[in-house]
PDB file of N, CA and C in Angstrom:
ATOM      1  N   GLN A   1     -25.644  20.614   1.848  1.00  0.00           N
ATOM      2  CA  GLN A   1     -24.645  19.737   2.427  1.00  0.00           C
ATOM      3  C   GLN A   1     -23.508  19.521   1.435  1.00  0.00           C
ATOM      4  N   HIS A   2     -22.298  19.419   1.963  1.00  0.00           N
ATOM      5  CA  HIS A   2     -21.140  19.274   1.093  1.00  0.00           C
ATOM      6  C   HIS A   2     -20.774  17.826   0.812  1.00  0.00           C
ATOM      7  N   GLY A   3     -21.372  16.876   1.490  1.00  0.00           N
ATOM      8  CA  GLY A   3     -21.162  15.464   1.183  1.00  0.00           C
ATOM      9  C   GLY A   3     -19.857  14.878   1.697  1.00  0.00           C
ATOM     10  N   ALA A   4     -19.244  15.518   2.677  1.00  0.00           N
ATOM     11  CA  ALA A   4     -17.942  15.047   3.153  1.00  0.00           C
ATOM     12  C   ALA A   4     -18.038  13.709   3.872  1.00  0.00           C
ATOM     13  N   ARG A   5     -19.161  13.458   4.521  1.00  0.00           N
ATOM     14  CA  ARG A   5     -19.256  12.226   5.303  1.00  0.00           C
ATOM     15  C   ARG A   5     -20.146  11.179   4.657  1.00  0.00           C
ATOM     16  N   THR A   6     -20.598  11.429   3.475  1.00  0.00           N
ATOM     17  CA  THR A   6     -21.389  10.416   2.788  1.00  0.00           C
ATOM     18  C   THR A   6     -20.445   9.348   2.249  1.00  0.00           C
ATOM     19  N   PRO A   7     -20.937   8.142   2.035  1.00  0.00           N
ATOM     20  CA  PRO A   7     -20.068   7.106   1.459  1.00  0.00           C
ATOM     21  C   PRO A   7     -19.454   7.537   0.119  1.00  0.00           C
ATOM     22  N   ALA A   8     -20.224   8.236  -0.686  1.00  0.00           N
ATOM     23  CA  ALA A   8     -19.693   8.695  -1.973  1.00  0.00           C
ATOM     24  C   ALA A   8     -18.577   9.718  -1.772  1.00  0.00           C
ATOM     25  N   GLY A   9     -18.718  10.594  -0.784  1.00  0.00           N
ATOM     26  CA  GLY A   9     -17.689  11.587  -0.502  1.00  0.00           C
ATOM     27  C   GLY A   9     -16.402  10.957   0.004  1.00  0.00           C
ATOM     28  N   VAL A  10     -16.547   9.977   0.894  1.00  0.00           N
ATOM     29  CA  VAL A  10     -15.378   9.271   1.414  1.00  0.00           C
ATOM     30  C   VAL A  10     -14.690   8.519   0.280  1.00  0.00           C
ATOM     31  N   PHE A  11     -15.466   7.875  -0.555  1.00  0.00           N
ATOM     32  CA  PHE A  11     -14.907   7.137  -1.691  1.00  0.00           C
ATOM     33  C   PHE A  11     -14.174   8.076  -2.642  1.00  0.00           C
ATOM     34  N   ALA A  12     -14.752   9.240  -2.892  1.00  0.00           N
ATOM     35  CA  ALA A  12     -14.129  10.210  -3.797  1.00  0.00           C
ATOM     36  C   ALA A  12     -12.801  10.707  -3.234  1.00  0.00           C
ATOM     37  N   ARG A  13     -12.757  11.040  -1.956  1.00  0.00           N
ATOM     38  CA  ARG A  13     -11.507  11.526  -1.352  1.00  0.00           C
ATOM     39  C   ARG A  13     -10.440  10.441  -1.328  1.00  0.00           C
ATOM     40  N   THR A  14     -10.850   9.222  -1.012  1.00  0.00           N
ATOM     41  CA  THR A  14      -9.898   8.116  -0.997  1.00  0.00           C
ATOM     42  C   THR A  14      -9.346   7.871  -2.396  1.00  0.00           C
ATOM     43  N   GLY A  15     -10.220   7.915  -3.384  1.00  0.00           N
ATOM     44  CA  GLY A  15      -9.785   7.735  -4.768  1.00  0.00           C
ATOM     45  C   GLY A  15      -8.822   8.817  -5.215  1.00  0.00           C
ATOM     46  N   GLN A  16      -9.095  10.056  -4.832  1.00  0.00           N
ATOM     47  CA  GLN A  16      -8.205  11.160  -5.194  1.00  0.00           C
ATOM     48  C   GLN A  16      -6.823  10.972  -4.581  1.00  0.00           C
ATOM     49  N   ARG A  17      -6.785  10.555  -3.341  1.00  0.00           N
ATOM     50  CA  ARG A  17      -5.487  10.383  -2.673  1.00  0.00           C
ATOM     51  C   ARG A  17      -4.705   9.217  -3.260  1.00  0.00           C
ATOM     52  N   LEU A  18      -5.403   8.133  -3.587  1.00  0.00           N
ATOM     53  CA  LEU A  18      -4.715   7.004  -4.208  1.00  0.00           C
ATOM     54  C   LEU A  18      -4.197   7.369  -5.595  1.00  0.00           C
ATOM     55  N   LEU A  19      -4.992   8.130  -6.337  1.00  0.00           N
ATOM     56  CA  LEU A  19      -4.558   8.578  -7.654  1.00  0.00           C
ATOM     57  C   LEU A  19      -3.341   9.494  -7.548  1.00  0.00           C
ATOM     58  N   ALA A  20      -3.339  10.391  -6.571  1.00  0.00           N
ATOM     59  CA  ALA A  20      -2.192  11.281  -6.374  1.00  0.00           C
ATOM     60  C   ALA A  20      -0.949  10.486  -5.978  1.00  0.00           C
ATOM     61  N   LEU A  21      -1.115   9.481  -5.142  1.00  0.00           N
ATOM     62  CA  LEU A  21       0.009   8.643  -4.745  1.00  0.00           C
ATOM     63  C   LEU A  21       0.560   7.879  -5.941  1.00  0.00           C
ATOM     64  N   ALA A  22      -0.334   7.315  -6.748  1.00  0.00           N
ATOM     65  CA  ALA A  22       0.096   6.594  -7.946  1.00  0.00           C
ATOM     66  C   ALA A  22       0.816   7.521  -8.913  1.00  0.00           C
ATOM     67  N   ALA A  23       0.330   8.754  -9.052  1.00  0.00           N
ATOM     68  CA  ALA A  23       0.984   9.723  -9.933  1.00  0.00           C
ATOM     69  C   ALA A  23       2.377  10.062  -9.411  1.00  0.00           C
ATOM     70  N   GLY A  24       2.527  10.185  -8.112  1.00  0.00           N
ATOM     71  CA  GLY A  24       3.838  10.459  -7.531  1.00  0.00           C
ATOM     72  C   GLY A  24       4.813   9.319  -7.761  1.00  0.00           C
ATOM     73  N   ILE A  25       4.345   8.101  -7.585  1.00  0.00           N
ATOM     74  CA  ILE A  25       5.193   6.933  -7.831  1.00  0.00           C
ATOM     75  C   ILE A  25       5.573   6.862  -9.304  1.00  0.00           C
ATOM     76  N   TRP A  26       4.599   7.055 -10.174  1.00  0.00           N
ATOM     77  CA  TRP A  26       4.854   7.025 -11.619  1.00  0.00           C
ATOM     78  C   TRP A  26       5.871   8.090 -12.010  1.00  0.00           C
ATOM     79  N   HIS A  27       5.711   9.292 -11.486  1.00  0.00           N
ATOM     80  CA  HIS A  27       6.622  10.387 -11.818  1.00  0.00           C
ATOM     81  C   HIS A  27       8.042  10.073 -11.366  1.00  0.00           C
ATOM     82  N   THR A  28       8.178   9.509 -10.173  1.00  0.00           N
ATOM     83  CA  THR A  28       9.500   9.169  -9.656  1.00  0.00           C
ATOM     84  C   THR A  28      10.177   8.132 -10.549  1.00  0.00           C
ATOM     85  N   TRP A  29       9.427   7.137 -10.985  1.00  0.00           N
ATOM     86  CA  TRP A  29      10.021   6.079 -11.803  1.00  0.00           C
ATOM     87  C   TRP A  29      10.278   6.523 -13.233  1.00  0.00           C
ATOM     88  N   THR A  30       9.419   7.354 -13.809  1.00  0.00           N
ATOM     89  CA  THR A  30       9.601   7.742 -15.216  1.00  0.00           C
ATOM     90  C   THR A  30      10.668   8.803 -15.407  1.00  0.00           C
ATOM     91  N   THR A  31      11.007   9.553 -14.365  1.00  0.00           N
ATOM     92  CA  THR A  31      12.060  10.550 -14.510  1.00  0.00           C
ATOM     93  C   THR A  31      13.437   9.914 -14.473  1.00  0.00           C
ATOM     94  N   GLY A  32      13.512   8.662 -14.081  1.00  0.00           N
ATOM     95  CA  GLY A  32      14.788   7.961 -14.050  1.00  0.00           C
ATOM     96  C   GLY A  32      15.720   8.466 -12.967  1.00  0.00           C
ATOM     97  N   ALA A  33      15.152   8.929 -11.881  1.00  0.00           N
ATOM     98  CA  ALA A  33      15.968   9.446 -10.786  1.00  0.00           C
ATOM     99  C   ALA A  33      16.828   8.324 -10.206  1.00  0.00           C
ATOM    100  N   LYS A  34      18.097   8.637  -9.979  1.00  0.00           N
ATOM    101  CA  LYS A  34      19.000   7.621  -9.433  1.00  0.00           C
ATOM    102  C   LYS A  34      18.659   7.307  -7.986  1.00  0.00           C
ATOM    103  N   THR A  35      18.278   8.325  -7.239  1.00  0.00           N
ATOM    104  CA  THR A  35      17.829   8.103  -5.867  1.00  0.00           C
ATOM    105  C   THR A  35      16.333   8.367  -5.822  1.00  0.00           C
ATOM    106  N   LYS A  36      15.605   7.399  -5.383  1.00  0.00           N
ATOM    107  CA  LYS A  36      14.147   7.515  -5.321  1.00  0.00           C
ATOM    108  C   LYS A  36      13.755   8.370  -4.127  1.00  0.00           C
ATOM    109  N   ARG A  37      12.840   9.299  -4.355  1.00  0.00           N
ATOM    110  CA  ARG A  37      12.399  10.174  -3.273  1.00  0.00           C
ATOM    111  C   ARG A  37      11.414   9.453  -2.367  1.00  0.00           C
ATOM    112  N   SER A  38      11.359   9.901  -1.153  1.00  0.00           N
ATOM    113  CA  SER A  38      10.420   9.340  -0.199  1.00  0.00           C
ATOM    114  C   SER A  38       8.998   9.707  -0.605  1.00  0.00           C
ATOM    115  N   LEU A  39       8.077   8.797  -0.415  1.00  0.00           N
ATOM    116  CA  LEU A  39       6.678   9.066  -0.750  1.00  0.00           C
ATOM    117  C   LEU A  39       6.001   9.946   0.287  1.00  0.00           C
ATOM    118  N   ILE A  40       6.669  10.205   1.400  1.00  0.00           N
ATOM    119  CA  ILE A  40       6.099  11.082   2.417  1.00  0.00           C
ATOM    120  C   ILE A  40       5.880  12.477   1.845  1.00  0.00           C
ATOM    121  N   ALA A  41       6.693  12.869   0.878  1.00  0.00           N
ATOM    122  CA  ALA A  41       6.541  14.185   0.258  1.00  0.00           C
ATOM    123  C   ALA A  41       5.189  14.317  -0.437  1.00  0.00           C
ATOM    124  N   TYR A  42       4.588  13.213  -0.830  1.00  0.00           N
ATOM    125  CA  TYR A  42       3.305  13.242  -1.525  1.00  0.00           C
ATOM    126  C   TYR A  42       2.119  13.098  -0.575  1.00  0.00           C
ATOM    127  N   ASP A  43       2.397  13.040   0.716  1.00  0.00           N
ATOM    128  CA  ASP A  43       1.337  12.806   1.693  1.00  0.00           C
ATOM    129  C   ASP A  43       0.389  13.987   1.814  1.00  0.00           C
ATOM    130  N   HIS A  44       0.909  15.203   1.748  1.00  0.00           N
ATOM    131  CA  HIS A  44       0.054  16.380   1.917  1.00  0.00           C
ATOM    132  C   HIS A  44       0.283  17.354   0.810  1.00  0.00           C
TER     133      HIS A  44
END
């Protein structure tokens, strides 16, 4: 079994997506971009 539907698997995927979102936000702010990019680009 690959564990996709176990609570641990769901928690792991959710954590990965939140971490990726946080990294995208951090990158946008640390590059000093004058126009902030939409976070939709980090959705997939």
